[in-house]
Amino acid sequence: MKEKTLTMGKHGMAVLLLSLLIYAAAIAGTVWGATQEIYALMAPCIFLLATTWLLWPGLKVLRPQEALVLTLFGKYIGTIKEPGFYFVNPFCSAVNPAAKTKLNQSGDVKNGSAAQNTAADLASLSNKISLKIMTLNNSRQKINDCLGNPIEIGIAVTWRIQDTAKAVFNVDNYKEFLSLQCDSALRNIVRIYPYDVAPNVDTTGDGVADEGSLRGSSEIVAARIREEIQARVNEAGIEVVEARITHLAYAPEIAAVMLQRQQASAIIDARKMIVDGAVGMVEMALAHLNEHKIVELDEERKAAMVSNLLVVLCGNHDAQPVVNSGSLY
């Protein structure tokens, strides 16, 4: 099914005024015919009064970034996209299977005033399709990463309708279809990555281990999620503009353990840096002592001094000096 854009004249106001004039003339003719007992004039006037209202269902008003998919007796005849006041075949019906579907997305969430909500409800009931960019904020999901660790992740997908005919006729409900495909694509991509950088993990599929992770490669992961969703919703005439990760965390059942693991890793890295610095300082101290010949130290005294310096430099607390008044020998 391909979209067919209708380019027609915006005759809605002219038809509305014409129908009102017909009603006014028919009422006047009916009253005058009744007073003058001219029944030949009353009959067509009464017929006009009974049938002129049939023109009104053909009056359609479109605002900017709105579209109307029209069918006539079940046959798709085209889509109106330009804003304006139109008159179409009164027997045409507008189709939007997702008009009453409410998702957690822009345009559906009722967080405005009562007047705004009423206007949104009327727009939904009119079966108009919004061509605006909308944001779908799917609920958080619990998914296992490539290491089997359960994580919670949520995404926000920015999308819009690209082909109204595909959106209406190729899928049953394009909003629910998009939401389900977002969930499926998210699971497919997340299971490829570890939460944090892990050894011997290939996230690109080239057979070479890399440093990709959900936490450190969020831009790359979001781009892959967008591509995966786009490939799934092409048949629904939907364009995925952007996908972003809005929430990422370990699942509650392992969050405390993983926090301890991260803390231990940080402590080990810090200790390694402290030891490397302390060894360098000891080497520098010994080199200066030997260079300036401040004191002659044998191997045993060097070992004692190295031990004392390492204890002082690597300790968590301030050193407690001990004055030695004797000799090592």
C-alpha atoms as a PDB file:
ATOM      1  CA  MET A   1       0.000   0.000   0.000  1.00  0.00           C
ATOM      2  CA  LYS A   2       1.454   3.347  -1.103  1.00  0.00           C
ATOM      3  CA  GLU A   3       0.366   6.752   0.052  1.00  0.00           C
ATOM      4  CA  LYS A   4      -1.599   8.870  -2.434  1.00  0.00           C
ATOM      5  CA  THR A   5      -1.687  12.546  -1.560  1.00  0.00           C
ATOM      6  CA  LEU A   6      -4.870  14.362  -2.578  1.00  0.00           C
ATOM      7  CA  THR A   7      -4.526  17.904  -3.899  1.00  0.00           C
ATOM      8  CA  MET A   8      -7.986  19.389  -3.902  1.00  0.00           C
ATOM      9  CA  GLY A   9      -9.495  22.806  -3.537  1.00  0.00           C
ATOM     10  CA  LYS A  10     -10.264  24.091  -0.066  1.00  0.00           C
ATOM     11  CA  HIS A  11     -13.985  24.601  -0.686  1.00  0.00           C
ATOM     12  CA  GLY A  12     -15.157  23.920   2.847  1.00  0.00           C
ATOM     13  CA  MET A  13     -16.155  27.490   3.676  1.00  0.00           C
ATOM     14  CA  ALA A  14     -17.974  27.937   0.354  1.00  0.00           C
ATOM     15  CA  VAL A  15     -19.981  24.722   0.853  1.00  0.00           C
ATOM     16  CA  LEU A  16     -20.789  25.684   4.455  1.00  0.00           C
ATOM     17  CA  LEU A  17     -22.057  29.129   3.426  1.00  0.00           C
ATOM     18  CA  LEU A  18     -23.981  27.615   0.512  1.00  0.00           C
ATOM     19  CA  SER A  19     -25.690  25.081   2.768  1.00  0.00           C
ATOM     20  CA  LEU A  20     -26.659  27.824   5.221  1.00  0.00           C
ATOM     21  CA  LEU A  21     -28.096  29.905   2.385  1.00  0.00           C
ATOM     22  CA  ILE A  22     -30.048  26.876   1.145  1.00  0.00           C
ATOM     23  CA  TYR A  23     -31.452  26.384   4.637  1.00  0.00           C
ATOM     24  CA  ALA A  24     -32.403  30.033   4.921  1.00  0.00           C
ATOM     25  CA  ALA A  25     -34.078  29.995   1.513  1.00  0.00           C
ATOM     26  CA  ALA A  26     -35.830  26.690   2.226  1.00  0.00           C
ATOM     27  CA  ILE A  27     -37.168  27.950   5.560  1.00  0.00           C
ATOM     28  CA  ALA A  28     -38.382  31.163   3.949  1.00  0.00           C
ATOM     29  CA  GLY A  29     -39.954  29.235   1.073  1.00  0.00           C
ATOM     30  CA  THR A  30     -41.661  26.818   3.433  1.00  0.00           C
ATOM     31  CA  VAL A  31     -43.117  29.619   5.584  1.00  0.00           C
ATOM     32  CA  TRP A  32     -44.229  31.674   2.562  1.00  0.00           C
ATOM     33  CA  GLY A  33     -45.677  28.614   0.823  1.00  0.00           C
ATOM     34  CA  ALA A  34     -47.601  27.656   3.963  1.00  0.00           C
ATOM     35  CA  THR A  35     -49.055  31.146   4.329  1.00  0.00           C
ATOM     36  CA  GLN A  36     -49.979  31.329   0.657  1.00  0.00           C
ATOM     37  CA  GLU A  37     -50.988  27.660   0.486  1.00  0.00           C
ATOM     38  CA  ILE A  38     -48.578  27.018  -2.399  1.00  0.00           C
ATOM     39  CA  TYR A  39     -47.908  23.344  -1.786  1.00  0.00           C
ATOM     40  CA  ALA A  40     -45.825  22.947  -4.944  1.00  0.00           C
ATOM     41  CA  LEU A  41     -43.248  25.295  -3.384  1.00  0.00           C
ATOM     42  CA  MET A  42     -43.392  23.720   0.053  1.00  0.00           C
ATOM     43  CA  ALA A  43     -42.481  20.215  -1.137  1.00  0.00           C
ATOM     44  CA  PRO A  44     -39.004  21.030  -2.556  1.00  0.00           C
ATOM     45  CA  CYS A  45     -38.276  23.346   0.369  1.00  0.00           C
ATOM     46  CA  ILE A  46     -39.048  20.605   2.877  1.00  0.00           C
ATOM     47  CA  PHE A  47     -36.884  18.203   0.826  1.00  0.00           C
ATOM     48  CA  LEU A  48     -33.976  20.664   0.984  1.00  0.00           C
ATOM     49  CA  LEU A  49     -34.438  21.070   4.731  1.00  0.00           C
ATOM     50  CA  ALA A  50     -34.290  17.295   5.166  1.00  0.00           C
ATOM     51  CA  THR A  51     -31.287  16.616   2.930  1.00  0.00           C
ATOM     52  CA  THR A  52     -28.958  19.644   2.953  1.00  0.00           C
ATOM     53  CA  TRP A  53     -27.375  18.543   6.229  1.00  0.00           C
ATOM     54  CA  LEU A  54     -25.887  15.573   4.344  1.00  0.00           C
ATOM     55  CA  LEU A  55     -23.239  17.975   3.016  1.00  0.00           C
ATOM     56  CA  TRP A  56     -21.896  18.719   6.488  1.00  0.00           C
ATOM     57  CA  PRO A  57     -20.168  15.342   7.139  1.00  0.00           C
ATOM     58  CA  GLY A  58     -18.002  16.195   4.122  1.00  0.00           C
ATOM     59  CA  LEU A  59     -16.584  19.309   5.791  1.00  0.00           C
ATOM     60  CA  LYS A  60     -13.092  18.621   7.129  1.00  0.00           C
ATOM     61  CA  VAL A  61     -10.737  20.995   8.948  1.00  0.00           C
ATOM     62  CA  LEU A  62      -7.029  20.192   9.047  1.00  0.00           C
ATOM     63  CA  ARG A  63      -4.459  21.958  11.193  1.00  0.00           C
ATOM     64  CA  PRO A  64      -0.724  22.078  10.395  1.00  0.00           C
ATOM     65  CA  GLN A  65       1.047  18.715  10.720  1.00  0.00           C
ATOM     66  CA  GLU A  66      -2.185  16.740  10.487  1.00  0.00           C
ATOM     67  CA  ALA A  67      -3.364  14.265   7.872  1.00  0.00           C
ATOM     68  CA  LEU A  68      -6.653  12.634   6.968  1.00  0.00           C
ATOM     69  CA  VAL A  69      -6.742   9.157   5.385  1.00  0.00           C
ATOM     70  CA  LEU A  70      -9.969   8.818   3.392  1.00  0.00           C
ATOM     71  CA  THR A  71     -11.765   5.682   2.238  1.00  0.00           C
ATOM     72  CA  LEU A  72     -14.924   5.426   0.161  1.00  0.00           C
ATOM     73  CA  PHE A  73     -16.962   2.256   0.727  1.00  0.00           C
ATOM     74  CA  GLY A  74     -13.827   0.450   1.916  1.00  0.00           C
ATOM     75  CA  LYS A  75     -11.532   1.654  -0.896  1.00  0.00           C
ATOM     76  CA  TYR A  76      -8.558   3.890  -0.116  1.00  0.00           C
ATOM     77  CA  ILE A  77      -8.887   7.079  -2.177  1.00  0.00           C
ATOM     78  CA  GLY A  78      -6.082   9.226  -0.769  1.00  0.00           C
ATOM     79  CA  THR A  79      -4.636  11.315   2.046  1.00  0.00           C
ATOM     80  CA  ILE A  80      -5.069  15.039   2.692  1.00  0.00           C
ATOM     81  CA  LYS A  81      -2.034  16.659   4.307  1.00  0.00           C
ATOM     82  CA  GLU A  82      -2.265  20.396   3.680  1.00  0.00           C
ATOM     83  CA  PRO A  83      -3.943  22.483   6.403  1.00  0.00           C
ATOM     84  CA  GLY A  84      -7.231  24.099   5.482  1.00  0.00           C
ATOM     85  CA  PHE A  85     -11.021  23.806   5.382  1.00  0.00           C
ATOM     86  CA  TYR A  86     -12.006  21.083   2.891  1.00  0.00           C
ATOM     87  CA  PHE A  87     -15.142  19.630   1.420  1.00  0.00           C
ATOM     88  CA  VAL A  88     -14.897  15.954   0.445  1.00  0.00           C
ATOM     89  CA  ASN A  89     -17.433  13.345  -0.566  1.00  0.00           C
ATOM     90  CA  PRO A  90     -19.819  13.148   2.407  1.00  0.00           C
ATOM     91  CA  PHE A  91     -19.792   9.356   2.168  1.00  0.00           C
ATOM     92  CA  CYS A  92     -16.012   9.210   2.651  1.00  0.00           C
ATOM     93  CA  SER A  93     -14.810   8.074   6.055  1.00  0.00           C
ATOM     94  CA  ALA A  94     -11.559   8.950   7.805  1.00  0.00           C
ATOM     95  CA  VAL A  95      -9.511   5.997   9.089  1.00  0.00           C
ATOM     96  CA  ASN A  96      -7.150   5.987  12.049  1.00  0.00           C
ATOM     97  CA  PRO A  97      -7.041   2.664  13.954  1.00  0.00           C
ATOM     98  CA  ALA A  98      -4.811   4.172  16.667  1.00  0.00           C
ATOM     99  CA  ALA A  99      -7.050   7.163  17.384  1.00  0.00           C
ATOM    100  CA  LYS A 100      -8.141   5.858  20.801  1.00  0.00           C
ATOM    101  CA  THR A 101      -4.821   4.248  21.743  1.00  0.00           C
ATOM    102  CA  LYS A 102      -3.096   6.029  24.613  1.00  0.00           C
ATOM    103  CA  LEU A 103       0.585   5.345  25.174  1.00  0.00           C
ATOM    104  CA  ASN A 104       3.152   6.978  27.434  1.00  0.00           C
ATOM    105  CA  GLN A 105       4.190   9.441  24.754  1.00  0.00           C
ATOM    106  CA  SER A 106       3.871  13.063  23.738  1.00  0.00           C
ATOM    107  CA  GLY A 107       0.396  13.801  22.451  1.00  0.00           C
ATOM    108  CA  ASP A 108      -1.228  11.061  24.536  1.00  0.00           C
ATOM    109  CA  VAL A 109      -0.247  11.939  28.104  1.00  0.00           C
ATOM    110  CA  LYS A 110      -2.861  14.181  29.685  1.00  0.00           C
ATOM    111  CA  ASN A 111      -0.833  16.640  31.709  1.00  0.00           C
ATOM    112  CA  GLY A 112      -2.278  19.918  30.471  1.00  0.00           C
ATOM    113  CA  SER A 113      -5.360  21.910  31.296  1.00  0.00           C
ATOM    114  CA  ALA A 114      -8.890  20.629  30.886  1.00  0.00           C
ATOM    115  CA  ALA A 115      -9.338  22.666  27.708  1.00  0.00           C
ATOM    116  CA  GLN A 116      -6.204  21.187  26.175  1.00  0.00           C
ATOM    117  CA  ASN A 117      -7.272  17.663  27.048  1.00  0.00           C
ATOM    118  CA  THR A 118     -10.707  18.244  25.532  1.00  0.00           C
ATOM    119  CA  ALA A 119      -9.154  19.509  22.314  1.00  0.00           C
ATOM    120  CA  ALA A 120      -6.884  16.462  22.180  1.00  0.00           C
ATOM    121  CA  ASP A 121      -9.847  14.147  22.704  1.00  0.00           C
ATOM    122  CA  LEU A 122     -11.782  15.818  19.903  1.00  0.00           C
ATOM    123  CA  ALA A 123      -8.779  15.486  17.600  1.00  0.00           C
ATOM    124  CA  SER A 124      -8.571  11.786  18.406  1.00  0.00           C
ATOM    125  CA  LEU A 125     -12.260  11.238  17.773  1.00  0.00           C
ATOM    126  CA  SER A 126     -11.964  12.929  14.366  1.00  0.00           C
ATOM    127  CA  ASN A 127      -9.533  10.195  13.255  1.00  0.00           C
ATOM    128  CA  LYS A 128      -6.890  12.680  12.173  1.00  0.00           C
ATOM    129  CA  ILE A 129      -3.317  11.384  12.059  1.00  0.00           C
ATOM    130  CA  SER A 130      -0.636  13.548  13.611  1.00  0.00           C
ATOM    131  CA  LEU A 131       2.454  14.116  11.459  1.00  0.00           C
ATOM    132  CA  LYS A 132       4.345  15.776  14.311  1.00  0.00           C
ATOM    133  CA  ILE A 133       7.468  14.336  15.876  1.00  0.00           C
ATOM    134  CA  MET A 134       6.413  12.393  18.966  1.00  0.00           C
ATOM    135  CA  THR A 135       8.369  10.781  21.778  1.00  0.00           C
ATOM    136  CA  LEU A 136       7.542   7.296  22.998  1.00  0.00           C
ATOM    137  CA  ASN A 137       8.810   6.639  26.520  1.00  0.00           C
ATOM    138  CA  ASN A 138       8.512   2.903  27.003  1.00  0.00           C
ATOM    139  CA  SER A 139       8.445   1.431  30.477  1.00  0.00           C
ATOM    140  CA  ARG A 140      11.672   0.129  32.005  1.00  0.00           C
ATOM    141  CA  GLN A 141      12.543  -3.458  31.197  1.00  0.00           C
ATOM    142  CA  LYS A 142      14.585  -6.050  33.026  1.00  0.00           C
ATOM    143  CA  ILE A 143      16.982  -7.670  30.551  1.00  0.00           C
ATOM    144  CA  ASN A 144      20.051  -9.890  30.951  1.00  0.00           C
ATOM    145  CA  ASP A 145      23.229  -8.482  29.434  1.00  0.00           C
ATOM    146  CA  CYS A 146      25.755 -10.659  27.563  1.00  0.00           C
ATOM    147  CA  LEU A 147      27.222 -11.855  30.883  1.00  0.00           C
ATOM    148  CA  GLY A 148      23.836 -12.871  32.240  1.00  0.00           C
ATOM    149  CA  ASN A 149      23.563 -10.001  34.713  1.00  0.00           C
ATOM    150  CA  PRO A 150      20.002  -8.652  35.018  1.00  0.00           C
ATOM    151  CA  ILE A 151      19.798  -4.922  34.361  1.00  0.00           C
ATOM    152  CA  GLU A 152      17.005  -2.374  34.141  1.00  0.00           C
ATOM    153  CA  ILE A 153      16.959  -0.185  31.058  1.00  0.00           C
ATOM    154  CA  GLY A 154      14.543   2.302  29.554  1.00  0.00           C
ATOM    155  CA  ILE A 155      14.597   4.163  26.254  1.00  0.00           C
ATOM    156  CA  ALA A 156      12.865   7.176  24.709  1.00  0.00           C
ATOM    157  CA  VAL A 157      12.160   6.886  20.982  1.00  0.00           C
ATOM    158  CA  THR A 158      11.467   9.970  18.859  1.00  0.00           C
ATOM    159  CA  TRP A 159       9.340   9.105  15.829  1.00  0.00           C
ATOM    160  CA  ARG A 160       6.842  10.375  13.283  1.00  0.00           C
ATOM    161  CA  ILE A 161       4.530   9.078  10.570  1.00  0.00           C
ATOM    162  CA  GLN A 162       6.251   9.016   7.193  1.00  0.00           C
ATOM    163  CA  ASP A 163       3.634   7.150   5.103  1.00  0.00           C
ATOM    164  CA  THR A 164       0.048   7.433   6.323  1.00  0.00           C
ATOM    165  CA  ALA A 165      -1.266   4.653   4.075  1.00  0.00           C
ATOM    166  CA  LYS A 166       1.240   2.124   5.418  1.00  0.00           C
ATOM    167  CA  ALA A 167       0.580   3.227   9.004  1.00  0.00           C
ATOM    168  CA  VAL A 168      -3.173   2.758   8.642  1.00  0.00           C
ATOM    169  CA  PHE A 169      -3.470  -0.282   6.389  1.00  0.00           C
ATOM    170  CA  ASN A 170      -0.266  -2.346   6.795  1.00  0.00           C
ATOM    171  CA  VAL A 171      -0.556  -2.837  10.575  1.00  0.00           C
ATOM    172  CA  ASP A 172      -3.495  -3.169  12.906  1.00  0.00           C
ATOM    173  CA  ASN A 173      -2.469  -0.361  15.273  1.00  0.00           C
ATOM    174  CA  TYR A 174       0.716   1.540  14.479  1.00  0.00           C
ATOM    175  CA  LYS A 175       1.203   2.893  18.018  1.00  0.00           C
ATOM    176  CA  GLU A 176       1.035  -0.521  19.664  1.00  0.00           C
ATOM    177  CA  PHE A 177       3.124  -1.968  16.839  1.00  0.00           C
ATOM    178  CA  LEU A 178       5.857   0.613  17.442  1.00  0.00           C
ATOM    179  CA  SER A 179       5.815   0.019  21.195  1.00  0.00           C
ATOM    180  CA  LEU A 180       6.187  -3.763  20.810  1.00  0.00           C
ATOM    181  CA  GLN A 181       8.971  -3.403  18.245  1.00  0.00           C
ATOM    182  CA  CYS A 182      10.829  -1.030  20.578  1.00  0.00           C
ATOM    183  CA  ASP A 183      10.718  -3.645  23.339  1.00  0.00           C
ATOM    184  CA  SER A 184      11.904  -6.405  21.014  1.00  0.00           C
ATOM    185  CA  ALA A 185      14.719  -4.356  19.471  1.00  0.00           C
ATOM    186  CA  LEU A 186      15.890  -3.225  22.897  1.00  0.00           C
ATOM    187  CA  ARG A 187      16.216  -6.824  24.073  1.00  0.00           C
ATOM    188  CA  ASN A 188      18.105  -7.856  20.952  1.00  0.00           C
ATOM    189  CA  ILE A 189      20.692  -5.101  21.315  1.00  0.00           C
ATOM    190  CA  VAL A 190      21.139  -5.140  25.103  1.00  0.00           C
ATOM    191  CA  ARG A 191      21.924  -8.863  25.194  1.00  0.00           C
ATOM    192  CA  ILE A 192      24.986  -8.186  22.996  1.00  0.00           C
ATOM    193  CA  TYR A 193      26.662  -5.795  25.465  1.00  0.00           C
ATOM    194  CA  PRO A 194      27.898  -6.143  29.043  1.00  0.00           C
ATOM    195  CA  TYR A 195      26.850  -3.518  31.536  1.00  0.00           C
ATOM    196  CA  ASP A 196      30.457  -2.486  32.066  1.00  0.00           C
ATOM    197  CA  VAL A 197      33.657  -3.231  30.169  1.00  0.00           C
ATOM    198  CA  ALA A 198      34.441  -6.950  30.366  1.00  0.00           C
ATOM    199  CA  PRO A 199      37.316  -8.997  28.914  1.00  0.00           C
ATOM    200  CA  ASN A 200      36.878 -11.340  25.931  1.00  0.00           C
ATOM    201  CA  VAL A 201      33.550  -9.837  24.840  1.00  0.00           C
ATOM    202  CA  ASP A 202      32.845  -9.120  21.172  1.00  0.00           C
ATOM    203  CA  THR A 203      30.052  -6.550  20.803  1.00  0.00           C
ATOM    204  CA  THR A 204      30.566  -5.721  17.116  1.00  0.00           C
ATOM    205  CA  GLY A 205      30.396  -9.231  15.674  1.00  0.00           C
ATOM    206  CA  ASP A 206      33.794  -9.069  13.975  1.00  0.00           C
ATOM    207  CA  GLY A 207      35.279 -11.834  16.121  1.00  0.00           C
ATOM    208  CA  VAL A 208      37.613  -9.476  17.996  1.00  0.00           C
ATOM    209  CA  ALA A 209      37.134  -8.613  21.665  1.00  0.00           C
ATOM    210  CA  ASP A 210      36.495  -4.922  22.272  1.00  0.00           C
ATOM    211  CA  GLU A 211      35.682  -2.526  25.084  1.00  0.00           C
ATOM    212  CA  GLY A 212      32.036  -1.910  24.203  1.00  0.00           C
ATOM    213  CA  SER A 213      29.589  -1.662  27.101  1.00  0.00           C
ATOM    214  CA  LEU A 214      26.153  -0.290  27.872  1.00  0.00           C
ATOM    215  CA  ARG A 215      27.558   2.233  30.327  1.00  0.00           C
ATOM    216  CA  GLY A 216      30.568   3.359  28.332  1.00  0.00           C
ATOM    217  CA  SER A 217      29.210   3.136  24.780  1.00  0.00           C
ATOM    218  CA  SER A 218      25.745   4.613  25.257  1.00  0.00           C
ATOM    219  CA  GLU A 219      25.858   6.614  21.999  1.00  0.00           C
ATOM    220  CA  ILE A 220      26.765   3.540  19.939  1.00  0.00           C
ATOM    221  CA  VAL A 221      24.171   1.402  21.716  1.00  0.00           C
ATOM    222  CA  ALA A 222      21.465   4.037  21.142  1.00  0.00           C
ATOM    223  CA  ALA A 223      22.353   4.245  17.435  1.00  0.00           C
ATOM    224  CA  ARG A 224      22.125   0.457  17.070  1.00  0.00           C
ATOM    225  CA  ILE A 225      18.776   0.420  18.880  1.00  0.00           C
ATOM    226  CA  ARG A 226      17.458   3.109  16.510  1.00  0.00           C
ATOM    227  CA  GLU A 227      18.604   1.152  13.452  1.00  0.00           C
ATOM    228  CA  GLU A 228      17.054  -2.047  14.794  1.00  0.00           C
ATOM    229  CA  ILE A 229      13.709  -0.356  15.463  1.00  0.00           C
ATOM    230  CA  GLN A 230      13.739   1.389  12.076  1.00  0.00           C
ATOM    231  CA  ALA A 231      14.269  -1.898  10.260  1.00  0.00           C
ATOM    232  CA  ARG A 232      11.240  -3.343  12.053  1.00  0.00           C
ATOM    233  CA  VAL A 233       8.808  -0.437  11.515  1.00  0.00           C
ATOM    234  CA  ASN A 234       9.512   0.376   7.856  1.00  0.00           C
ATOM    235  CA  GLU A 235       6.415  -1.571   6.832  1.00  0.00           C
ATOM    236  CA  ALA A 236       4.324   0.607   9.130  1.00  0.00           C
ATOM    237  CA  GLY A 237       5.430   3.842   7.432  1.00  0.00           C
ATOM    238  CA  ILE A 238       7.141   5.104  10.604  1.00  0.00           C
ATOM    239  CA  GLU A 239      10.412   7.027  10.696  1.00  0.00           C
ATOM    240  CA  VAL A 240      12.471   6.646  13.862  1.00  0.00           C
ATOM    241  CA  VAL A 241      14.258   9.968  14.326  1.00  0.00           C
ATOM    242  CA  GLU A 242      16.245   9.105  17.435  1.00  0.00           C
ATOM    243  CA  ALA A 243      16.509   6.624  20.292  1.00  0.00           C
ATOM    244  CA  ARG A 244      18.068   7.492  23.640  1.00  0.00           C
ATOM    245  CA  ILE A 245      18.737   5.525  26.816  1.00  0.00           C
ATOM    246  CA  THR A 246      16.879   7.223  29.663  1.00  0.00           C
ATOM    247  CA  HIS A 247      17.568   4.744  32.472  1.00  0.00           C
ATOM    248  CA  LEU A 248      20.332   2.207  33.028  1.00  0.00           C
ATOM    249  CA  ALA A 249      21.036   0.360  36.262  1.00  0.00           C
ATOM    250  CA  TYR A 250      21.608  -3.090  37.683  1.00  0.00           C
ATOM    251  CA  ALA A 251      18.482  -4.897  38.779  1.00  0.00           C
ATOM    252  CA  PRO A 252      17.741  -4.455  42.505  1.00  0.00           C
ATOM    253  CA  GLU A 253      18.579  -8.088  43.348  1.00  0.00           C
ATOM    254  CA  ILE A 254      22.214  -7.683  42.301  1.00  0.00           C
ATOM    255  CA  ALA A 255      22.697  -3.930  42.611  1.00  0.00           C
ATOM    256  CA  ALA A 256      24.288  -4.129  46.087  1.00  0.00           C
ATOM    257  CA  VAL A 257      26.710  -6.891  45.072  1.00  0.00           C
ATOM    258  CA  MET A 258      27.721  -5.079  41.893  1.00  0.00           C
ATOM    259  CA  LEU A 259      28.258  -1.898  43.880  1.00  0.00           C
ATOM    260  CA  GLN A 260      30.638  -3.744  46.204  1.00  0.00           C
ATOM    261  CA  ARG A 261      32.411  -5.165  43.151  1.00  0.00           C
ATOM    262  CA  GLN A 262      32.853  -1.703  41.680  1.00  0.00           C
ATOM    263  CA  GLN A 263      34.074  -0.364  45.009  1.00  0.00           C
ATOM    264  CA  ALA A 264      36.593  -3.215  45.312  1.00  0.00           C
ATOM    265  CA  SER A 265      37.820  -2.580  41.778  1.00  0.00           C
ATOM    266  CA  ALA A 266      38.220   1.118  42.543  1.00  0.00           C
ATOM    267  CA  ILE A 267      40.107   0.364  45.756  1.00  0.00           C
ATOM    268  CA  ILE A 268      42.456  -2.028  43.937  1.00  0.00           C
ATOM    269  CA  ASP A 269      43.153   0.544  41.228  1.00  0.00           C
ATOM    270  CA  ALA A 270      43.809   3.210  43.844  1.00  0.00           C
ATOM    271  CA  ARG A 271      46.135   0.937  45.818  1.00  0.00           C
ATOM    272  CA  LYS A 272      48.019   0.055  42.672  1.00  0.00           C
ATOM    273  CA  MET A 273      48.542   3.710  41.913  1.00  0.00           C
ATOM    274  CA  ILE A 274      49.691   4.401  45.486  1.00  0.00           C
ATOM    275  CA  VAL A 275      52.174   1.509  45.433  1.00  0.00           C
ATOM    276  CA  ASP A 276      53.568   2.576  42.050  1.00  0.00           C
ATOM    277  CA  GLY A 277      54.040   6.092  43.367  1.00  0.00           C
ATOM    278  CA  ALA A 278      55.596   4.896  46.624  1.00  0.00           C
ATOM    279  CA  VAL A 279      58.109   2.662  44.830  1.00  0.00           C
ATOM    280  CA  GLY A 280      59.077   5.585  42.624  1.00  0.00           C
ATOM    281  CA  MET A 281      59.561   7.819  45.633  1.00  0.00           C
ATOM    282  CA  VAL A 282      61.716   5.186  47.377  1.00  0.00           C
ATOM    283  CA  GLU A 283      63.845   4.809  44.270  1.00  0.00           C
ATOM    284  CA  MET A 284      64.232   8.559  44.070  1.00  0.00           C
ATOM    285  CA  ALA A 285      65.197   8.790  47.766  1.00  0.00           C
ATOM    286  CA  LEU A 286      67.849   6.094  47.455  1.00  0.00           C
ATOM    287  CA  ALA A 287      69.225   7.676  44.273  1.00  0.00           C
ATOM    288  CA  HIS A 288      69.534  11.073  45.969  1.00  0.00           C
ATOM    289  CA  LEU A 289      71.224   9.613  49.019  1.00  0.00           C
ATOM    290  CA  ASN A 290      73.762   7.786  46.905  1.00  0.00           C
ATOM    291  CA  GLU A 291      74.290  10.719  44.543  1.00  0.00           C
ATOM    292  CA  HIS A 292      75.021  13.280  47.266  1.00  0.00           C
ATOM    293  CA  LYS A 293      76.724  10.734  49.506  1.00  0.00           C
ATOM    294  CA  ILE A 294      74.716  11.866  52.492  1.00  0.00           C
ATOM    295  CA  VAL A 295      74.988   8.508  54.192  1.00  0.00           C
ATOM    296  CA  GLU A 296      76.442   5.139  53.350  1.00  0.00           C
ATOM    297  CA  LEU A 297      73.886   2.360  53.646  1.00  0.00           C
ATOM    298  CA  ASP A 298      74.498  -1.330  53.432  1.00  0.00           C
ATOM    299  CA  GLU A 299      71.925  -3.712  52.001  1.00  0.00           C
ATOM    300  CA  GLU A 300      70.297  -4.410  55.354  1.00  0.00           C
ATOM    301  CA  ARG A 301      69.872  -0.708  56.149  1.00  0.00           C
ATOM    302  CA  LYS A 302      68.530  -0.061  52.643  1.00  0.00           C
ATOM    303  CA  ALA A 303      65.998  -2.825  53.135  1.00  0.00           C
ATOM    304  CA  ALA A 304      64.931  -1.369  56.476  1.00  0.00           C
ATOM    305  CA  MET A 305      64.620   2.128  55.027  1.00  0.00           C
ATOM    306  CA  VAL A 306      62.646   0.824  52.036  1.00  0.00           C
ATOM    307  CA  SER A 307      60.307  -1.049  54.351  1.00  0.00           C
ATOM    308  CA  ASN A 308      59.765   2.008  56.548  1.00  0.00           C
ATOM    309  CA  LEU A 309      59.173   4.321  53.594  1.00  0.00           C
ATOM    310  CA  LEU A 310      56.675   1.942  52.004  1.00  0.00           C
ATOM    311  CA  VAL A 311      54.787   1.612  55.269  1.00  0.00           C
ATOM    312  CA  VAL A 312      54.639   5.387  55.653  1.00  0.00           C
ATOM    313  CA  LEU A 313      53.703   6.117  52.029  1.00  0.00           C
ATOM    314  CA  CYS A 314      51.190   3.288  51.580  1.00  0.00           C
ATOM    315  CA  GLY A 315      49.483   3.458  54.964  1.00  0.00           C
ATOM    316  CA  ASN A 316      45.977   4.787  55.486  1.00  0.00           C
ATOM    317  CA  HIS A 317      46.959   6.688  58.651  1.00  0.00           C
ATOM    318  CA  ASP A 318      49.644   9.146  59.577  1.00  0.00           C
ATOM    319  CA  ALA A 319      52.936   7.560  60.522  1.00  0.00           C
ATOM    320  CA  GLN A 320      53.888   7.270  64.208  1.00  0.00           C
ATOM    321  CA  PRO A 321      57.649   8.056  64.295  1.00  0.00           C
ATOM    322  CA  VAL A 322      59.913   5.933  66.512  1.00  0.00           C
ATOM    323  CA  VAL A 323      63.308   7.313  67.501  1.00  0.00           C
ATOM    324  CA  ASN A 324      65.928   4.554  67.557  1.00  0.00           C
ATOM    325  CA  SER A 325      68.718   5.394  70.014  1.00  0.00           C
ATOM    326  CA  GLY A 326      70.555   2.145  69.543  1.00  0.00           C
ATOM    327  CA  SER A 327      72.102   0.333  66.652  1.00  0.00           C
ATOM    328  CA  LEU A 328      70.866  -2.278  64.254  1.00  0.00           C
ATOM    329  CA  TYR A 329      73.869  -4.421  65.121  1.00  0.00           C
END
